[in-house]
Amino acid sequence: MKAKDFDSKFDQDQSDVIEDLDLTSARRVNQQQKRINVDFPSWVVESLDREAARIGVTRQSIIKVWLVERLQAEASNKRTSGDSTNGAH
């Protein structure tokens, strides 16, 4: 199917276009997974488990969310500060 035919079908809402896609080759850009191992003290793991249980997610999920939030905040701070440093380290 040509792209313009697919677009037309989607725009006209004739049917579900998902059946026209080959999802076996689909991938999310910048979302490739890479496995790492991190060692934490027992009290950190226990705290993570308590917080994860409190909000109803897995330990891995809470670690991912918190790390992403922190990285985004750091990136935002760097953008708003103009990437300049005042010489303090």
N, C-alpha and C. Protein backbone atom coordinates (compact mmCIF):
# COMPACT_ATOMS: atom_id res chain seq x y z
N MET A 1 0.84 -1.17 0.00
CA MET A 1 0.00 0.00 0.00
C MET A 1 0.90 1.24 0.00
N LYS A 2 0.55 2.18 -0.83
CA LYS A 2 1.32 3.42 -0.90
C LYS A 2 0.96 4.32 0.29
N ALA A 3 1.89 5.18 0.65
CA ALA A 3 1.69 6.06 1.80
C ALA A 3 0.46 6.94 1.64
N LYS A 4 0.23 7.46 0.45
CA LYS A 4 -0.93 8.33 0.26
C LYS A 4 -2.23 7.54 0.43
N ASP A 5 -2.24 6.26 0.02
CA ASP A 5 -3.43 5.42 0.21
C ASP A 5 -3.66 5.14 1.70
N PHE A 6 -2.57 4.87 2.38
CA PHE A 6 -2.66 4.63 3.82
C PHE A 6 -3.17 5.88 4.54
N ASP A 7 -2.61 7.04 4.20
CA ASP A 7 -3.05 8.30 4.81
C ASP A 7 -4.52 8.56 4.53
N SER A 8 -4.92 8.31 3.31
CA SER A 8 -6.32 8.52 2.93
C SER A 8 -7.24 7.60 3.73
N LYS A 9 -6.85 6.35 3.86
CA LYS A 9 -7.64 5.39 4.62
C LYS A 9 -7.74 5.83 6.08
N PHE A 10 -6.62 6.29 6.63
CA PHE A 10 -6.61 6.76 8.01
C PHE A 10 -7.51 7.99 8.16
N ASP A 11 -7.36 8.95 7.25
CA ASP A 11 -8.13 10.19 7.32
C ASP A 11 -9.63 9.95 7.16
N GLN A 12 -9.99 9.00 6.32
CA GLN A 12 -11.40 8.73 6.09
C GLN A 12 -12.00 7.82 7.15
N ASP A 13 -11.15 7.28 8.00
CA ASP A 13 -11.60 6.40 9.08
C ASP A 13 -12.46 5.26 8.55
N GLN A 14 -12.05 4.72 7.39
CA GLN A 14 -12.80 3.62 6.78
C GLN A 14 -12.72 2.35 7.62
N SER A 15 -11.57 2.11 8.18
CA SER A 15 -11.40 0.92 9.00
C SER A 15 -10.15 1.10 9.85
N ASP A 16 -9.90 0.12 10.66
CA ASP A 16 -8.72 0.14 11.51
C ASP A 16 -7.48 -0.07 10.64
N VAL A 17 -6.57 0.89 10.63
CA VAL A 17 -5.37 0.80 9.79
C VAL A 17 -4.29 -0.08 10.41
N ILE A 18 -4.48 -0.48 11.65
CA ILE A 18 -3.46 -1.28 12.32
C ILE A 18 -3.20 -2.59 11.59
N GLU A 19 -4.23 -3.12 10.95
CA GLU A 19 -4.05 -4.38 10.21
C GLU A 19 -3.20 -4.19 8.96
N ASP A 20 -2.99 -2.97 8.54
CA ASP A 20 -2.15 -2.69 7.38
C ASP A 20 -0.69 -2.46 7.75
N LEU A 21 -0.36 -2.52 9.01
CA LEU A 21 1.00 -2.28 9.47
C LEU A 21 1.72 -3.58 9.76
N ASP A 22 3.01 -3.60 9.49
CA ASP A 22 3.86 -4.73 9.87
C ASP A 22 4.52 -4.37 11.19
N LEU A 23 3.92 -4.79 12.29
CA LEU A 23 4.41 -4.41 13.61
C LEU A 23 5.64 -5.20 14.04
N THR A 24 6.00 -6.23 13.28
CA THR A 24 7.19 -7.01 13.65
C THR A 24 8.47 -6.19 13.48
N SER A 25 8.42 -5.18 12.63
CA SER A 25 9.62 -4.35 12.43
C SER A 25 9.49 -2.98 13.09
N ALA A 26 8.42 -2.77 13.84
CA ALA A 26 8.20 -1.48 14.49
C ALA A 26 9.18 -1.30 15.64
N ARG A 27 9.63 -0.06 15.82
CA ARG A 27 10.48 0.24 16.95
C ARG A 27 10.24 1.68 17.37
N ARG A 28 10.51 1.96 18.61
CA ARG A 28 10.36 3.31 19.14
C ARG A 28 11.72 3.99 19.09
N VAL A 29 11.77 5.12 18.47
CA VAL A 29 13.02 5.85 18.33
C VAL A 29 13.52 6.26 19.71
N ASN A 30 14.80 6.08 19.93
CA ASN A 30 15.46 6.45 21.19
C ASN A 30 14.95 5.65 22.39
N GLN A 31 14.35 4.51 22.16
CA GLN A 31 13.80 3.73 23.25
C GLN A 31 14.41 2.32 23.33
N GLN A 32 15.52 2.11 22.65
CA GLN A 32 16.16 0.80 22.68
C GLN A 32 16.62 0.50 24.10
N GLN A 33 16.34 -0.68 24.56
CA GLN A 33 16.66 -1.07 25.93
C GLN A 33 18.11 -1.54 26.03
N LYS A 34 18.73 -1.24 27.14
CA LYS A 34 20.07 -1.73 27.45
C LYS A 34 20.07 -2.13 28.92
N ARG A 35 20.47 -3.34 29.18
CA ARG A 35 20.44 -3.86 30.54
C ARG A 35 21.71 -3.45 31.29
N ILE A 36 21.50 -3.00 32.54
CA ILE A 36 22.62 -2.68 33.42
C ILE A 36 22.35 -3.29 34.79
N ASN A 37 23.38 -3.45 35.56
CA ASN A 37 23.24 -3.90 36.94
C ASN A 37 23.71 -2.80 37.86
N VAL A 38 22.94 -2.54 38.90
CA VAL A 38 23.29 -1.52 39.87
C VAL A 38 23.16 -2.13 41.26
N ASP A 39 24.17 -1.92 42.09
CA ASP A 39 24.12 -2.42 43.46
C ASP A 39 23.70 -1.29 44.39
N PHE A 40 22.71 -1.58 45.24
CA PHE A 40 22.22 -0.61 46.23
C PHE A 40 22.35 -1.22 47.61
N PRO A 41 22.54 -0.40 48.63
CA PRO A 41 22.47 -0.91 50.00
C PRO A 41 21.07 -1.47 50.27
N SER A 42 20.98 -2.39 51.20
CA SER A 42 19.69 -3.03 51.52
C SER A 42 18.62 -2.01 51.88
N TRP A 43 18.99 -0.97 52.66
CA TRP A 43 17.98 -0.01 53.07
C TRP A 43 17.38 0.74 51.88
N VAL A 44 18.18 0.94 50.80
CA VAL A 44 17.67 1.61 49.61
C VAL A 44 16.66 0.71 48.90
N VAL A 45 17.01 -0.57 48.76
CA VAL A 45 16.10 -1.52 48.11
C VAL A 45 14.80 -1.63 48.91
N GLU A 46 14.91 -1.70 50.22
CA GLU A 46 13.70 -1.79 51.06
C GLU A 46 12.85 -0.53 50.92
N SER A 47 13.47 0.63 50.88
CA SER A 47 12.73 1.88 50.69
C SER A 47 12.08 1.93 49.32
N LEU A 48 12.80 1.50 48.30
CA LEU A 48 12.23 1.45 46.96
C LEU A 48 11.03 0.52 46.91
N ASP A 49 11.16 -0.64 47.54
CA ASP A 49 10.06 -1.60 47.55
C ASP A 49 8.83 -1.05 48.27
N ARG A 50 9.04 -0.35 49.39
CA ARG A 50 7.90 0.24 50.11
C ARG A 50 7.20 1.29 49.25
N GLU A 51 7.99 2.16 48.64
CA GLU A 51 7.39 3.22 47.82
C GLU A 51 6.72 2.64 46.59
N ALA A 52 7.34 1.64 45.96
CA ALA A 52 6.73 0.99 44.79
C ALA A 52 5.41 0.33 45.17
N ALA A 53 5.37 -0.34 46.31
CA ALA A 53 4.12 -0.98 46.76
C ALA A 53 3.06 0.06 47.07
N ARG A 54 3.49 1.18 47.65
CA ARG A 54 2.53 2.23 48.01
C ARG A 54 1.81 2.79 46.78
N ILE A 55 2.57 2.95 45.67
CA ILE A 55 1.93 3.51 44.48
C ILE A 55 1.52 2.44 43.46
N GLY A 56 1.80 1.17 43.77
CA GLY A 56 1.31 0.06 42.95
C GLY A 56 2.10 -0.19 41.67
N VAL A 57 3.42 -0.04 41.75
CA VAL A 57 4.27 -0.34 40.60
C VAL A 57 5.40 -1.26 41.05
N THR A 58 6.19 -1.70 40.10
CA THR A 58 7.33 -2.56 40.44
C THR A 58 8.53 -1.70 40.85
N ARG A 59 9.47 -2.32 41.49
CA ARG A 59 10.72 -1.64 41.86
C ARG A 59 11.40 -1.08 40.62
N GLN A 60 11.49 -1.88 39.58
CA GLN A 60 12.13 -1.44 38.35
C GLN A 60 11.43 -0.22 37.77
N SER A 61 10.11 -0.21 37.81
CA SER A 61 9.36 0.93 37.27
C SER A 61 9.65 2.21 38.02
N ILE A 62 9.68 2.13 39.34
CA ILE A 62 9.91 3.35 40.12
C ILE A 62 11.33 3.88 39.91
N ILE A 63 12.28 2.97 39.78
CA ILE A 63 13.66 3.40 39.52
C ILE A 63 13.73 4.10 38.17
N LYS A 64 13.11 3.51 37.14
CA LYS A 64 13.12 4.12 35.82
C LYS A 64 12.47 5.50 35.83
N VAL A 65 11.30 5.60 36.43
CA VAL A 65 10.58 6.87 36.46
C VAL A 65 11.39 7.93 37.18
N TRP A 66 11.92 7.60 38.35
CA TRP A 66 12.68 8.58 39.12
C TRP A 66 13.94 9.02 38.38
N LEU A 67 14.63 8.08 37.75
CA LEU A 67 15.84 8.45 37.01
C LEU A 67 15.51 9.36 35.83
N VAL A 68 14.46 9.02 35.10
CA VAL A 68 14.07 9.85 33.96
C VAL A 68 13.66 11.23 34.43
N GLU A 69 12.88 11.31 35.51
CA GLU A 69 12.48 12.61 36.05
C GLU A 69 13.71 13.45 36.41
N ARG A 70 14.67 12.84 37.05
CA ARG A 70 15.88 13.56 37.46
C ARG A 70 16.69 14.02 36.26
N LEU A 71 16.85 13.14 35.27
CA LEU A 71 17.60 13.51 34.07
C LEU A 71 16.92 14.65 33.32
N GLN A 72 15.59 14.61 33.25
CA GLN A 72 14.86 15.69 32.59
C GLN A 72 15.00 16.99 33.36
N ALA A 73 14.95 16.92 34.68
CA ALA A 73 15.10 18.12 35.50
C ALA A 73 16.50 18.70 35.33
N GLU A 74 17.51 17.86 35.31
CA GLU A 74 18.88 18.33 35.11
C GLU A 74 19.03 18.98 33.74
N ALA A 75 18.46 18.36 32.72
CA ALA A 75 18.54 18.93 31.37
C ALA A 75 17.82 20.27 31.32
N SER A 76 16.69 20.36 32.00
CA SER A 76 15.93 21.60 32.04
C SER A 76 16.71 22.69 32.77
N ASN A 77 17.35 22.34 33.87
CA ASN A 77 18.17 23.29 34.62
C ASN A 77 19.32 23.82 33.78
N LYS A 78 19.91 22.96 33.00
CA LYS A 78 21.03 23.38 32.15
C LYS A 78 20.55 24.33 31.06
N ARG A 79 19.35 24.07 30.51
CA ARG A 79 18.81 24.95 29.47
C ARG A 79 18.46 26.32 30.04
N THR A 80 17.86 26.34 31.24
CA THR A 80 17.44 27.62 31.80
C THR A 80 18.61 28.44 32.35
N SER A 81 19.69 27.75 32.71
CA SER A 81 20.86 28.49 33.21
C SER A 81 21.79 28.92 32.08
N GLY A 82 21.44 28.60 30.87
CA GLY A 82 22.23 29.01 29.71
C GLY A 82 23.53 28.26 29.57
N ASP A 83 23.62 27.10 30.21
CA ASP A 83 24.82 26.27 30.12
C ASP A 83 26.07 27.01 30.56
N SER A 84 25.93 28.07 31.32
CA SER A 84 27.12 28.78 31.79
C SER A 84 27.42 28.40 33.22
N THR A 85 28.68 28.40 33.54
CA THR A 85 29.10 28.12 34.91
C THR A 85 29.80 29.34 35.46
N ASN A 86 29.73 29.48 36.77
CA ASN A 86 30.36 30.64 37.38
C ASN A 86 31.72 30.32 37.97
N GLY A 87 32.27 29.17 37.59
CA GLY A 87 33.58 28.80 38.07
C GLY A 87 33.55 28.00 39.35
N ALA A 88 32.39 27.87 40.00
CA ALA A 88 32.29 27.09 41.23
C ALA A 88 32.10 25.63 40.89
N HIS A 89 32.81 24.77 41.57
CA HIS A 89 32.68 23.33 41.34
C HIS A 89 32.37 22.62 42.61
